[in-house]
Structure formats: C-alpha cells, structure tokens
Amino acid sequence: MADRVRKVNYCYVKVASRAGQGASVLSTLRAEGVNLLAFSGFPAKGGKSQLDLIPEDMTALRRVARENGWRLSKVKKGFVITGSDVVGAVHRHIDRLAGSRINITAADAVMAGKGRYGMILWVKPKDYNRAARVLRAT
C-alpha cells in the first residue's frame, strides 16, 4: 500500500486539565456523529490541556462546538499520513522535509495494526504550501 498524505484542517479546544475532560469532548463528538481523522491532547499553560481535533467535516465540528459552548481556535492546517508500517515509513517523510529545509513543528506517529501506520504532522503556516508539494499531499 502506497502512503497517502492528506492536507487537513483542524481546530483545538482548551479544557481544564482534569480527568474526564477529554473523554467528555470525545463522547459529545461521537454522540453527534462527528468523525475525527485524528486527535491529539497535551498539557497547556494555566492548568489547561489542549485538544487538537482533526475532523472529517469542519462544519459539523463547529456546529457541535457552538452548541456546547466550546471556544475553538481559528482553523489551522496540518497533514495526516497513512500507509504500510515498514521500517523507515516515517523517516521518508521527515527526510523529504529536512532535505527541503522545512522545519517540522510537531509530529506524532503510531502503528495501526494489520501492517499499517498513521502520522499527524505540522509545519509552520509559511511552510505549509511548500511542504504539501514536497510530501505530494492531496
């Protein structure tokens, strides 16, 4: 299976850094039928956590956020990469960007079972279009 690099839009929401806050957001999204292509959560300043929500349908995410009083960030851009989990699968994408002198802001990759992997990757906005060309993103 050839790797697929997708250009994606995402938003984040900040929640109190307490047990169950992420579960509550994800439960609400599931109940409302909002499919996420990817999700990432991590600590932020001031006793908060940041939940990056990469939806299949941004309009649906915004609707649910509005109905639940969530303050979404402005829309941001990133990449979701999927493919065969082989030695060096992640490296080839990181190396392409390095070879083009594009700095990666953040990346998370995991194996997905059945010989597959997935990765979320972010670059600075000024580098996004060039990175999309280098990664051959669709």
C-alpha atoms as a PDB file:
ATOM      1  CA  MET A   1       0.000   0.000   0.000  1.00  0.00           C
ATOM      2  CA  ALA A   2       1.420   3.404  -1.003  1.00  0.00           C
ATOM      3  CA  ASP A   3       1.433   6.116   1.637  1.00  0.00           C
ATOM      4  CA  ARG A   4      -1.336   8.685   1.486  1.00  0.00           C
ATOM      5  CA  VAL A   5      -0.582  12.241   2.610  1.00  0.00           C
ATOM      6  CA  ARG A   6      -3.708  14.317   3.228  1.00  0.00           C
ATOM      7  CA  LYS A   7      -3.901  18.045   3.783  1.00  0.00           C
ATOM      8  CA  VAL A   8      -6.208  18.630   6.742  1.00  0.00           C
ATOM      9  CA  ASN A   9      -7.790  21.485   8.629  1.00  0.00           C
ATOM     10  CA  TYR A  10      -8.121  21.326  12.378  1.00  0.00           C
ATOM     11  CA  CYS A  11      -9.029  23.343  15.439  1.00  0.00           C
ATOM     12  CA  TYR A  12      -8.183  22.958  19.054  1.00  0.00           C
ATOM     13  CA  VAL A  13     -10.144  23.492  22.217  1.00  0.00           C
ATOM     14  CA  LYS A  14      -8.648  24.083  25.638  1.00  0.00           C
ATOM     15  CA  VAL A  15     -10.184  22.318  28.613  1.00  0.00           C
ATOM     16  CA  ALA A  16      -9.410  22.104  32.314  1.00  0.00           C
ATOM     17  CA  SER A  17      -6.541  19.707  32.931  1.00  0.00           C
ATOM     18  CA  ARG A  18      -8.661  17.249  34.930  1.00  0.00           C
ATOM     19  CA  ALA A  19      -9.519  13.616  34.452  1.00  0.00           C
ATOM     20  CA  GLY A  20     -12.506  13.114  32.168  1.00  0.00           C
ATOM     21  CA  GLN A  21     -12.395  16.397  30.228  1.00  0.00           C
ATOM     22  CA  GLY A  22     -11.061  14.808  27.039  1.00  0.00           C
ATOM     23  CA  ALA A  23     -13.470  11.898  27.407  1.00  0.00           C
ATOM     24  CA  SER A  24     -16.349  14.345  27.687  1.00  0.00           C
ATOM     25  CA  VAL A  25     -15.394  16.180  24.478  1.00  0.00           C
ATOM     26  CA  LEU A  26     -14.875  12.921  22.569  1.00  0.00           C
ATOM     27  CA  SER A  27     -18.136  11.475  23.894  1.00  0.00           C
ATOM     28  CA  THR A  28     -20.051  14.525  22.711  1.00  0.00           C
ATOM     29  CA  LEU A  29     -18.442  14.356  19.269  1.00  0.00           C
ATOM     30  CA  ARG A  30     -19.255  10.646  18.988  1.00  0.00           C
ATOM     31  CA  ALA A  31     -22.880  11.200  20.042  1.00  0.00           C
ATOM     32  CA  GLU A  32     -23.225  13.931  17.414  1.00  0.00           C
ATOM     33  CA  GLY A  33     -21.672  11.779  14.677  1.00  0.00           C
ATOM     34  CA  VAL A  34     -18.538  13.903  14.203  1.00  0.00           C
ATOM     35  CA  ASN A  35     -15.827  11.649  12.771  1.00  0.00           C
ATOM     36  CA  LEU A  36     -12.259  12.553  13.666  1.00  0.00           C
ATOM     37  CA  LEU A  37      -9.406  11.695  11.318  1.00  0.00           C
ATOM     38  CA  ALA A  38      -7.007  12.312  14.206  1.00  0.00           C
ATOM     39  CA  PHE A  39      -6.915  13.567  17.779  1.00  0.00           C
ATOM     40  CA  SER A  40      -4.068  14.771  19.966  1.00  0.00           C
ATOM     41  CA  GLY A  41      -4.175  16.060  23.524  1.00  0.00           C
ATOM     42  CA  PHE A  42      -1.411  17.532  25.668  1.00  0.00           C
ATOM     43  CA  PRO A  43      -0.845  19.911  28.597  1.00  0.00           C
ATOM     44  CA  ALA A  44      -1.040  23.660  28.049  1.00  0.00           C
ATOM     45  CA  LYS A  45      -0.400  26.620  30.338  1.00  0.00           C
ATOM     46  CA  GLY A  46      -2.571  27.662  33.255  1.00  0.00           C
ATOM     47  CA  GLY A  47      -3.956  24.288  34.316  1.00  0.00           C
ATOM     48  CA  LYS A  48      -5.394  23.635  30.867  1.00  0.00           C
ATOM     49  CA  SER A  49      -4.988  20.936  28.250  1.00  0.00           C
ATOM     50  CA  GLN A  50      -5.150  21.446  24.500  1.00  0.00           C
ATOM     51  CA  LEU A  51      -7.195  19.016  22.434  1.00  0.00           C
ATOM     52  CA  ASP A  52      -6.392  19.099  18.712  1.00  0.00           C
ATOM     53  CA  LEU A  53      -9.453  17.944  16.775  1.00  0.00           C
ATOM     54  CA  ILE A  54      -8.902  16.959  13.149  1.00  0.00           C
ATOM     55  CA  PRO A  55     -12.411  16.330  11.799  1.00  0.00           C
ATOM     56  CA  GLU A  56     -13.561  14.812   8.575  1.00  0.00           C
ATOM     57  CA  ASP A  57     -16.155  17.628   8.430  1.00  0.00           C
ATOM     58  CA  MET A  58     -15.161  21.007   9.927  1.00  0.00           C
ATOM     59  CA  THR A  59     -18.731  22.350   9.654  1.00  0.00           C
ATOM     60  CA  ALA A  60     -20.024  19.539  11.881  1.00  0.00           C
ATOM     61  CA  LEU A  61     -17.272  20.178  14.444  1.00  0.00           C
ATOM     62  CA  ARG A  62     -18.065  23.900  14.545  1.00  0.00           C
ATOM     63  CA  ARG A  63     -21.780  23.185  14.977  1.00  0.00           C
ATOM     64  CA  VAL A  64     -21.174  20.862  17.939  1.00  0.00           C
ATOM     65  CA  ALA A  65     -18.699  23.309  19.473  1.00  0.00           C
ATOM     66  CA  ARG A  66     -21.208  26.157  19.199  1.00  0.00           C
ATOM     67  CA  GLU A  67     -23.995  24.041  20.728  1.00  0.00           C
ATOM     68  CA  ASN A  68     -21.741  23.079  23.658  1.00  0.00           C
ATOM     69  CA  GLY A  69     -20.114  26.450  24.273  1.00  0.00           C
ATOM     70  CA  TRP A  70     -16.611  25.285  23.325  1.00  0.00           C
ATOM     71  CA  ARG A  71     -14.203  28.008  22.236  1.00  0.00           C
ATOM     72  CA  LEU A  72     -12.492  26.595  19.172  1.00  0.00           C
ATOM     73  CA  SER A  73      -9.256  28.081  17.898  1.00  0.00           C
ATOM     74  CA  LYS A  74      -9.095  29.526  14.425  1.00  0.00           C
ATOM     75  CA  VAL A  75      -8.751  26.886  11.727  1.00  0.00           C
ATOM     76  CA  LYS A  76      -5.205  25.603  11.347  1.00  0.00           C
ATOM     77  CA  LYS A  77      -3.582  23.267   8.829  1.00  0.00           C
ATOM     78  CA  GLY A  78      -1.618  20.052   9.051  1.00  0.00           C
ATOM     79  CA  PHE A  79      -1.111  16.687   7.407  1.00  0.00           C
ATOM     80  CA  VAL A  80      -2.388  13.180   8.133  1.00  0.00           C
ATOM     81  CA  ILE A  81      -0.249  10.435   6.650  1.00  0.00           C
ATOM     82  CA  THR A  82      -1.225   6.758   6.440  1.00  0.00           C
ATOM     83  CA  GLY A  83       0.483   3.786   4.893  1.00  0.00           C
ATOM     84  CA  SER A  84       2.247   0.466   5.315  1.00  0.00           C
ATOM     85  CA  ASP A  85       4.103   0.009   8.580  1.00  0.00           C
ATOM     86  CA  VAL A  86       7.570  -0.848   7.305  1.00  0.00           C
ATOM     87  CA  VAL A  87      10.992   0.053   8.652  1.00  0.00           C
ATOM     88  CA  GLY A  88      11.612   3.705   7.787  1.00  0.00           C
ATOM     89  CA  ALA A  89       7.991   4.538   6.946  1.00  0.00           C
ATOM     90  CA  VAL A  90       8.004   7.748   8.984  1.00  0.00           C
ATOM     91  CA  HIS A  91      11.602   8.594   8.143  1.00  0.00           C
ATOM     92  CA  ARG A  92      10.982   9.009   4.435  1.00  0.00           C
ATOM     93  CA  HIS A  93       8.523  11.876   5.032  1.00  0.00           C
ATOM     94  CA  ILE A  94      10.646  13.537   7.710  1.00  0.00           C
ATOM     95  CA  ASP A  95      13.696  13.219   5.461  1.00  0.00           C
ATOM     96  CA  ARG A  96      11.902  14.791   2.474  1.00  0.00           C
ATOM     97  CA  LEU A  97      11.033  17.823   4.557  1.00  0.00           C
ATOM     98  CA  ALA A  98      14.546  18.042   6.001  1.00  0.00           C
ATOM     99  CA  GLY A  99      16.004  17.843   2.501  1.00  0.00           C
ATOM    100  CA  SER A 100      13.860  20.820   1.529  1.00  0.00           C
ATOM    101  CA  ARG A 101      14.890  22.684   4.696  1.00  0.00           C
ATOM    102  CA  ILE A 102      11.334  22.669   6.094  1.00  0.00           C
ATOM    103  CA  ASN A 103      11.228  22.530   9.884  1.00  0.00           C
ATOM    104  CA  ILE A 104       8.618  20.305  11.500  1.00  0.00           C
ATOM    105  CA  THR A 105       6.710  21.941  14.343  1.00  0.00           C
ATOM    106  CA  ALA A 106       5.403  18.633  15.724  1.00  0.00           C
ATOM    107  CA  ALA A 107       4.710  15.067  14.627  1.00  0.00           C
ATOM    108  CA  ASP A 108       3.045  12.024  16.187  1.00  0.00           C
ATOM    109  CA  ALA A 109       3.120   8.572  14.598  1.00  0.00           C
ATOM    110  CA  VAL A 110       1.704   5.208  15.678  1.00  0.00           C
ATOM    111  CA  MET A 111       1.293   1.734  14.266  1.00  0.00           C
ATOM    112  CA  ALA A 112      -2.319   0.990  13.424  1.00  0.00           C
ATOM    113  CA  GLY A 113      -2.259  -2.809  13.258  1.00  0.00           C
ATOM    114  CA  LYS A 114      -2.510  -5.089  10.231  1.00  0.00           C
ATOM    115  CA  GLY A 115       0.758  -3.662   8.900  1.00  0.00           C
ATOM    116  CA  ARG A 116      -0.404  -0.025   8.808  1.00  0.00           C
ATOM    117  CA  TYR A 117       0.720   3.216  10.465  1.00  0.00           C
ATOM    118  CA  GLY A 118      -0.573   6.744  10.799  1.00  0.00           C
ATOM    119  CA  MET A 119       1.077  10.085  11.461  1.00  0.00           C
ATOM    120  CA  ILE A 120      -0.027  13.642  12.164  1.00  0.00           C
ATOM    121  CA  LEU A 121       2.472  16.286  11.112  1.00  0.00           C
ATOM    122  CA  TRP A 122       2.558  20.058  11.490  1.00  0.00           C
ATOM    123  CA  VAL A 123       4.761  22.727   9.908  1.00  0.00           C
ATOM    124  CA  LYS A 124       4.708  26.496  10.233  1.00  0.00           C
ATOM    125  CA  PRO A 125       1.993  28.240   8.187  1.00  0.00           C
ATOM    126  CA  LYS A 126       4.605  29.944   5.991  1.00  0.00           C
ATOM    127  CA  ASP A 127       5.963  26.499   5.010  1.00  0.00           C
ATOM    128  CA  TYR A 128       2.635  24.711   4.548  1.00  0.00           C
ATOM    129  CA  ASN A 129       2.204  25.006   0.768  1.00  0.00           C
ATOM    130  CA  ARG A 130       5.826  24.077   0.093  1.00  0.00           C
ATOM    131  CA  ALA A 131       5.568  21.131   2.496  1.00  0.00           C
ATOM    132  CA  ALA A 132       2.401  19.974   0.728  1.00  0.00           C
ATOM    133  CA  ARG A 133       4.280  19.904  -2.574  1.00  0.00           C
ATOM    134  CA  VAL A 134       7.290  18.114  -1.066  1.00  0.00           C
ATOM    135  CA  LEU A 135       5.030  15.496   0.590  1.00  0.00           C
ATOM    136  CA  ARG A 136       2.819  15.224  -2.512  1.00  0.00           C
ATOM    137  CA  ALA A 137      -0.219  15.883  -0.332  1.00  0.00           C
ATOM    138  CA  THR A 138      -3.751  15.803  -1.676  1.00  0.00           C
END
